[in-house]
C-alpha atoms as a PDB file:
ATOM      1  CA  MET A   1     111.671 101.940 159.165  1.00  0.00           C
ATOM      2  CA  GLN A   2     108.126 102.432 157.945  1.00  0.00           C
ATOM      3  CA  ARG A   3     107.563 102.512 154.213  1.00  0.00           C
ATOM      4  CA  CYS A   4     104.653 104.382 152.751  1.00  0.00           C
ATOM      5  CA  PHE A   5     104.355 102.553 149.440  1.00  0.00           C
ATOM      6  CA  ASP A   6     105.609  99.694 147.325  1.00  0.00           C
ATOM      7  CA  LEU A   7     108.696 100.910 145.516  1.00  0.00           C
ATOM      8  CA  HIS A   8     108.514 101.221 141.804  1.00  0.00           C
ATOM      9  CA  LYS A   9     112.036 100.361 140.563  1.00  0.00           C
ATOM     10  CA  GLN A  10     113.447 101.075 137.086  1.00  0.00           C
ATOM     11  CA  ASN A  11     115.353  98.315 135.521  1.00  0.00           C
ATOM     12  CA  ASP A  12     118.693 100.017 135.781  1.00  0.00           C
ATOM     13  CA  GLY A  13     117.956 102.026 138.971  1.00  0.00           C
ATOM     14  CA  ARG A  14     118.814 105.488 137.387  1.00  0.00           C
ATOM     15  CA  ASP A  15     116.531 108.408 137.588  1.00  0.00           C
ATOM     16  CA  ARG A  16     115.051 109.852 134.377  1.00  0.00           C
ATOM     17  CA  PRO A  17     113.015 112.830 133.503  1.00  0.00           C
ATOM     18  CA  ARG A  18     109.217 112.142 134.050  1.00  0.00           C
ATOM     19  CA  LEU A  19     107.337 111.947 130.670  1.00  0.00           C
ATOM     20  CA  PRO A  20     104.066 113.727 130.551  1.00  0.00           C
ATOM     21  CA  GLY A  21     101.223 111.258 131.027  1.00  0.00           C
ATOM     22  CA  ALA A  22     103.471 108.475 132.148  1.00  0.00           C
ATOM     23  CA  GLN A  23     102.025 106.244 134.900  1.00  0.00           C
ATOM     24  CA  ARG A  24     103.833 105.011 137.965  1.00  0.00           C
ATOM     25  CA  ALA A  25     103.105 101.460 139.078  1.00  0.00           C
ATOM     26  CA  ALA A  26     100.136 101.476 141.434  1.00  0.00           C
ATOM     27  CA  GLY A  27     101.316 101.752 144.964  1.00  0.00           C
ATOM     28  CA  ARG A  28      99.547 101.973 148.331  1.00  0.00           C
ATOM     29  CA  TYR A  29      99.709 103.944 151.374  1.00  0.00           C
ATOM     30  CA  ASP A  30     101.461 102.380 154.316  1.00  0.00           C
ATOM     31  CA  ARG A  31      98.963 101.353 156.922  1.00  0.00           C
ATOM     32  CA  GLY A  32     100.740 103.371 159.504  1.00  0.00           C
ATOM     33  CA  MET A  33     100.750 106.579 157.259  1.00  0.00           C
ATOM     34  CA  PRO A  34      97.275 106.563 155.670  1.00  0.00           C
ATOM     35  CA  ASP A  35      96.828 110.376 155.858  1.00  0.00           C
ATOM     36  CA  CYS A  36     100.284 111.452 154.726  1.00  0.00           C
ATOM     37  CA  LEU A  37      99.908 113.656 151.573  1.00  0.00           C
ATOM     38  CA  PHE A  38     103.515 112.950 150.381  1.00  0.00           C
ATOM     39  CA  CYS A  39     103.113 109.317 150.773  1.00  0.00           C
ATOM     40  CA  GLY A  40     100.056 109.530 148.596  1.00  0.00           C
ATOM     41  CA  ILE A  41     102.100 111.424 146.019  1.00  0.00           C
ATOM     42  CA  ALA A  42     104.850 109.023 146.161  1.00  0.00           C
ATOM     43  CA  SER A  43     102.522 106.104 145.682  1.00  0.00           C
ATOM     44  CA  GLY A  44     100.793 107.763 142.725  1.00  0.00           C
ATOM     45  CA  GLN A  45      97.391 107.880 144.414  1.00  0.00           C
ATOM     46  CA  ILE A  46      97.482 111.644 144.662  1.00  0.00           C
ATOM     47  CA  PRO A  47      98.380 113.446 141.492  1.00  0.00           C
ATOM     48  CA  ALA A  48     101.301 115.805 141.174  1.00  0.00           C
ATOM     49  CA  LYS A  49     103.328 117.381 138.402  1.00  0.00           C
ATOM     50  CA  THR A  50     106.277 114.956 138.699  1.00  0.00           C
ATOM     51  CA  LEU A  51     109.534 116.064 137.087  1.00  0.00           C
ATOM     52  CA  ARG A  52     111.974 113.279 137.963  1.00  0.00           C
ATOM     53  CA  GLU A  53     112.019 110.248 140.146  1.00  0.00           C
ATOM     54  CA  ASN A  54     114.243 107.137 140.870  1.00  0.00           C
ATOM     55  CA  SER A  55     113.729 104.097 143.170  1.00  0.00           C
ATOM     56  CA  ARG A  56     114.121 106.216 146.433  1.00  0.00           C
ATOM     57  CA  THR A  57     113.206 109.834 145.607  1.00  0.00           C
ATOM     58  CA  ILE A  58     110.820 111.875 143.656  1.00  0.00           C
ATOM     59  CA  ALA A  59     110.643 115.522 142.446  1.00  0.00           C
ATOM     60  CA  PHE A  60     107.372 117.462 141.781  1.00  0.00           C
ATOM     61  CA  ARG A  61     106.109 121.019 141.415  1.00  0.00           C
ATOM     62  CA  ASP A  62     105.025 122.691 144.695  1.00  0.00           C
ATOM     63  CA  ILE A  63     101.272 123.602 144.386  1.00  0.00           C
ATOM     64  CA  ASP A  64     101.800 127.062 146.136  1.00  0.00           C
ATOM     65  CA  PRO A  65     105.141 128.262 144.505  1.00  0.00           C
ATOM     66  CA  GLN A  66     106.875 130.953 146.310  1.00  0.00           C
ATOM     67  CA  ALA A  67     109.280 131.610 143.370  1.00  0.00           C
ATOM     68  CA  PRO A  68     109.176 131.086 139.562  1.00  0.00           C
ATOM     69  CA  THR A  69     110.912 127.660 140.232  1.00  0.00           C
ATOM     70  CA  HIS A  70     109.694 125.825 143.390  1.00  0.00           C
ATOM     71  CA  ILE A  71     110.103 122.039 143.443  1.00  0.00           C
ATOM     72  CA  LEU A  72     109.778 119.536 146.148  1.00  0.00           C
ATOM     73  CA  VAL A  73     112.087 116.555 146.590  1.00  0.00           C
ATOM     74  CA  ILE A  74     111.003 113.851 148.847  1.00  0.00           C
ATOM     75  CA  PRO A  75     112.147 110.386 149.821  1.00  0.00           C
ATOM     76  CA  LYS A  76     109.663 107.740 148.762  1.00  0.00           C
ATOM     77  CA  GLU A  77     109.735 106.077 152.091  1.00  0.00           C
ATOM     78  CA  HIS A  78     108.018 107.826 155.053  1.00  0.00           C
ATOM     79  CA  ASP A  79     110.663 109.821 157.066  1.00  0.00           C
ATOM     80  CA  ALA A  80     108.875 112.309 159.336  1.00  0.00           C
ATOM     81  CA  ASP A  81     111.677 114.876 159.096  1.00  0.00           C
ATOM     82  CA  VAL A  82     115.341 115.445 158.050  1.00  0.00           C
ATOM     83  CA  ALA A  83     116.620 113.923 161.344  1.00  0.00           C
ATOM     84  CA  ALA A  84     115.155 110.649 160.254  1.00  0.00           C
ATOM     85  CA  VAL A  85     116.712 110.544 156.798  1.00  0.00           C
ATOM     86  CA  PRO A  86     120.351 109.672 157.807  1.00  0.00           C
ATOM     87  CA  GLN A  87     118.886 106.799 159.758  1.00  0.00           C
ATOM     88  CA  ALA A  88     117.481 105.385 156.463  1.00  0.00           C
ATOM     89  CA  GLY A  89     121.058 104.902 155.346  1.00  0.00           C
ATOM     90  CA  HIS A  90     122.570 104.168 152.042  1.00  0.00           C
ATOM     91  CA  GLY A  91     123.101 107.860 150.979  1.00  0.00           C
ATOM     92  CA  LEU A  92     119.477 108.792 150.986  1.00  0.00           C
ATOM     93  CA  LEU A  93     120.292 112.369 151.945  1.00  0.00           C
ATOM     94  CA  ASP A  94     122.718 112.400 149.070  1.00  0.00           C
ATOM     95  CA  GLU A  95     120.250 111.190 146.698  1.00  0.00           C
ATOM     96  CA  ILE A  96     117.762 113.925 147.668  1.00  0.00           C
ATOM     97  CA  ALA A  97     120.472 116.502 147.224  1.00  0.00           C
ATOM     98  CA  SER A  98     121.427 115.105 143.947  1.00  0.00           C
ATOM     99  CA  LEU A  99     117.862 115.058 142.600  1.00  0.00           C
ATOM    100  CA  ALA A 100     117.487 118.526 143.808  1.00  0.00           C
ATOM    101  CA  HIS A 101     120.451 119.649 141.821  1.00  0.00           C
ATOM    102  CA  ARG A 102     119.301 117.767 138.750  1.00  0.00           C
ATOM    103  CA  VAL A 103     115.774 119.327 138.620  1.00  0.00           C
ATOM    104  CA  ALA A 104     117.465 122.804 139.194  1.00  0.00           C
ATOM    105  CA  VAL A 105     119.725 122.223 136.059  1.00  0.00           C
ATOM    106  CA  ASP A 106     116.587 120.906 134.112  1.00  0.00           C
ATOM    107  CA  GLU A 107     114.689 124.095 135.094  1.00  0.00           C
ATOM    108  CA  GLY A 108     117.508 126.349 133.782  1.00  0.00           C
ATOM    109  CA  ILE A 109     118.575 127.700 137.272  1.00  0.00           C
ATOM    110  CA  GLY A 110     121.526 125.265 137.888  1.00  0.00           C
ATOM    111  CA  GLY A 111     124.033 128.014 136.905  1.00  0.00           C
ATOM    112  CA  SER A 112     122.237 131.312 137.978  1.00  0.00           C
ATOM    113  CA  GLY A 113     121.699 129.911 141.532  1.00  0.00           C
ATOM    114  CA  TYR A 114     119.055 128.259 143.493  1.00  0.00           C
ATOM    115  CA  ARG A 115     118.135 127.481 147.262  1.00  0.00           C
ATOM    116  CA  ILE A 116     117.462 124.096 148.859  1.00  0.00           C
ATOM    117  CA  VAL A 117     115.433 124.633 151.932  1.00  0.00           C
ATOM    118  CA  VAL A 118     114.449 121.822 154.466  1.00  0.00           C
ATOM    119  CA  ASN A 119     112.193 122.881 157.314  1.00  0.00           C
ATOM    120  CA  SER A 120     112.206 120.368 160.176  1.00  0.00           C
ATOM    121  CA  GLY A 121     109.503 120.818 162.834  1.00  0.00           C
ATOM    122  CA  ALA A 122     106.579 123.097 163.621  1.00  0.00           C
ATOM    123  CA  ASP A 123     108.871 126.015 164.626  1.00  0.00           C
ATOM    124  CA  ALA A 124     110.352 125.843 161.145  1.00  0.00           C
ATOM    125  CA  SER A 125     107.007 125.866 159.516  1.00  0.00           C
ATOM    126  CA  GLN A 126     107.236 122.119 158.312  1.00  0.00           C
ATOM    127  CA  ASP A 127     103.605 121.683 157.202  1.00  0.00           C
ATOM    128  CA  VAL A 128     103.691 118.163 155.984  1.00  0.00           C
ATOM    129  CA  PRO A 129     105.256 115.668 158.474  1.00  0.00           C
ATOM    130  CA  HIS A 130     107.155 113.988 155.637  1.00  0.00           C
ATOM    131  CA  MET A 131     110.729 115.063 155.027  1.00  0.00           C
ATOM    132  CA  HIS A 132     110.876 117.363 151.899  1.00  0.00           C
ATOM    133  CA  ALA A 133     113.344 119.664 150.403  1.00  0.00           C
ATOM    134  CA  HIS A 134     112.102 122.893 148.580  1.00  0.00           C
ATOM    135  CA  VAL A 135     114.239 123.790 145.477  1.00  0.00           C
ATOM    136  CA  ILE A 136     113.563 127.519 144.921  1.00  0.00           C
ATOM    137  CA  GLY A 137     114.930 129.784 142.257  1.00  0.00           C
ATOM    138  CA  GLY A 138     114.243 131.641 139.070  1.00  0.00           C
ATOM    139  CA  ARG A 139     114.672 135.052 140.663  1.00  0.00           C
ATOM    140  CA  PRO A 140     117.114 136.781 143.018  1.00  0.00           C
ATOM    141  CA  LEU A 141     116.541 135.376 146.558  1.00  0.00           C
ATOM    142  CA  GLU A 142     116.896 137.654 149.556  1.00  0.00           C
ATOM    143  CA  TRP A 143     118.874 136.986 152.701  1.00  0.00           C
ATOM    144  CA  PRO A 144     118.083 136.475 155.448  1.00  0.00           C
ATOM    145  CA  PRO A 145     115.108 134.323 154.653  1.00  0.00           C
ATOM    146  CA  GLY A 146     111.886 134.422 156.767  1.00  0.00           C
END
């Protein structure tokens, strides 16, 4: 499995709210993924409004929000799409879902409702080839989407 940066591990491994101005340990792009936007964000080389992170996942605000709350949750290692995540093993998909719920609660939409959207592949409009989940809420969401 390719990794896109050196993991920054907290002493106890638990995720915490991201403090404004806090700096992540310097990482680096994986040589095989030098142009991956989300690898750059995960490594700290590309700035993002990070809300929470743990040793394997990170949550940050979408730069083009489609709702009052629009947060992206990504694995820190490079997984091209959702199909690659279960192969990473050790409950990574569970960690992504857990972090998505935690940021929804932090944003005050945990009780009113939110949507977790994972686009996989070009026909699903996956624009960045690095698995990511959108946490969307803060207003009534229509169905069907798209």
